[in-house]
Amino acid sequence: MRGHRQRRRTRADLVYPNEADVERGRVSVLAPVGTALLGLSVGQSIDWQAPAVAR
């Protein structure tokens, strides 16, 4: 369905910027979502709206 956003769980590891690799689930601590995750404990989660992807 066009325009419909699915909710899904994604696991991410926080890393330094030079180690970031989105394909491997490694998010920079300086990325917007990385800063949102800082301070959470293992197993905690946030709701995050990912930007739309151009097709």
C-alpha atoms as a PDB file:
ATOM      1  CA  MET A   1       0.000   0.000   0.000  1.00  0.00           C
ATOM      2  CA  ARG A   2       1.581   3.285  -1.113  1.00  0.00           C
ATOM      3  CA  GLY A   3       2.263   5.676   1.733  1.00  0.00           C
ATOM      4  CA  HIS A   4       1.663   3.028   4.401  1.00  0.00           C
ATOM      5  CA  ARG A   5       4.485   2.745   6.927  1.00  0.00           C
ATOM      6  CA  GLN A   6       5.114  -0.619   8.510  1.00  0.00           C
ATOM      7  CA  ARG A   7       6.288  -0.954  12.080  1.00  0.00           C
ATOM      8  CA  ARG A   8       9.197  -3.313  12.396  1.00  0.00           C
ATOM      9  CA  ARG A   9      11.900  -4.079  14.895  1.00  0.00           C
ATOM     10  CA  THR A  10      15.486  -3.474  13.964  1.00  0.00           C
ATOM     11  CA  ARG A  11      18.536  -4.253  16.049  1.00  0.00           C
ATOM     12  CA  ALA A  12      21.438  -1.806  15.982  1.00  0.00           C
ATOM     13  CA  ASP A  13      24.885  -1.600  17.528  1.00  0.00           C
ATOM     14  CA  LEU A  14      26.197   1.864  18.417  1.00  0.00           C
ATOM     15  CA  VAL A  15      29.705   2.462  17.118  1.00  0.00           C
ATOM     16  CA  TYR A  16      32.153   5.291  16.471  1.00  0.00           C
ATOM     17  CA  PRO A  17      31.592   7.075  13.138  1.00  0.00           C
ATOM     18  CA  ASN A  18      34.510   5.366  11.362  1.00  0.00           C
ATOM     19  CA  GLU A  19      32.990   1.938  12.179  1.00  0.00           C
ATOM     20  CA  ALA A  20      29.422   2.748  11.033  1.00  0.00           C
ATOM     21  CA  ASP A  21      27.879   0.379   8.483  1.00  0.00           C
ATOM     22  CA  VAL A  22      24.101   0.537   8.091  1.00  0.00           C
ATOM     23  CA  GLU A  23      23.972  -2.726   6.109  1.00  0.00           C
ATOM     24  CA  ARG A  24      25.493  -4.527   9.129  1.00  0.00           C
ATOM     25  CA  GLY A  25      23.318  -2.706  11.680  1.00  0.00           C
ATOM     26  CA  ARG A  26      26.190  -0.563  12.965  1.00  0.00           C
ATOM     27  CA  VAL A  27      24.942   2.974  13.661  1.00  0.00           C
ATOM     28  CA  SER A  28      27.211   5.913  14.441  1.00  0.00           C
ATOM     29  CA  VAL A  29      26.764   7.471  17.883  1.00  0.00           C
ATOM     30  CA  LEU A  30      26.753  10.827  16.048  1.00  0.00           C
ATOM     31  CA  ALA A  31      23.884   9.931  13.679  1.00  0.00           C
ATOM     32  CA  PRO A  32      20.461  11.291  14.706  1.00  0.00           C
ATOM     33  CA  VAL A  33      19.144   7.826  15.578  1.00  0.00           C
ATOM     34  CA  GLY A  34      22.430   7.037  17.336  1.00  0.00           C
ATOM     35  CA  THR A  35      22.098  10.022  19.648  1.00  0.00           C
ATOM     36  CA  ALA A  36      18.471   9.020  20.339  1.00  0.00           C
ATOM     37  CA  LEU A  37      19.686   5.574  21.437  1.00  0.00           C
ATOM     38  CA  LEU A  38      22.438   6.833  23.750  1.00  0.00           C
ATOM     39  CA  GLY A  39      21.656   6.122  27.382  1.00  0.00           C
ATOM     40  CA  LEU A  40      19.262   3.242  26.729  1.00  0.00           C
ATOM     41  CA  SER A  41      19.940  -0.103  28.364  1.00  0.00           C
ATOM     42  CA  VAL A  42      20.205  -3.354  26.426  1.00  0.00           C
ATOM     43  CA  GLY A  43      16.698  -4.432  25.448  1.00  0.00           C
ATOM     44  CA  GLN A  44      15.141  -0.977  25.665  1.00  0.00           C
ATOM     45  CA  SER A  45      13.697   0.488  22.491  1.00  0.00           C
ATOM     46  CA  ILE A  46      12.490   3.710  20.902  1.00  0.00           C
ATOM     47  CA  ASP A  47       9.966   4.545  18.203  1.00  0.00           C
ATOM     48  CA  TRP A  48      11.793   6.109  15.253  1.00  0.00           C
ATOM     49  CA  GLN A  49      10.317   7.283  11.988  1.00  0.00           C
ATOM     50  CA  ALA A  50      12.828   6.585   9.240  1.00  0.00           C
ATOM     51  CA  PRO A  51      13.030   9.056   6.361  1.00  0.00           C
ATOM     52  CA  ALA A  52      11.193   8.132   3.177  1.00  0.00           C
ATOM     53  CA  VAL A  53      13.317   6.383   0.560  1.00  0.00           C
ATOM     54  CA  ALA A  54      13.165   7.716  -2.986  1.00  0.00           C
ATOM     55  CA  ARG A  55      12.384   5.040  -5.571  1.00  0.00           C
END
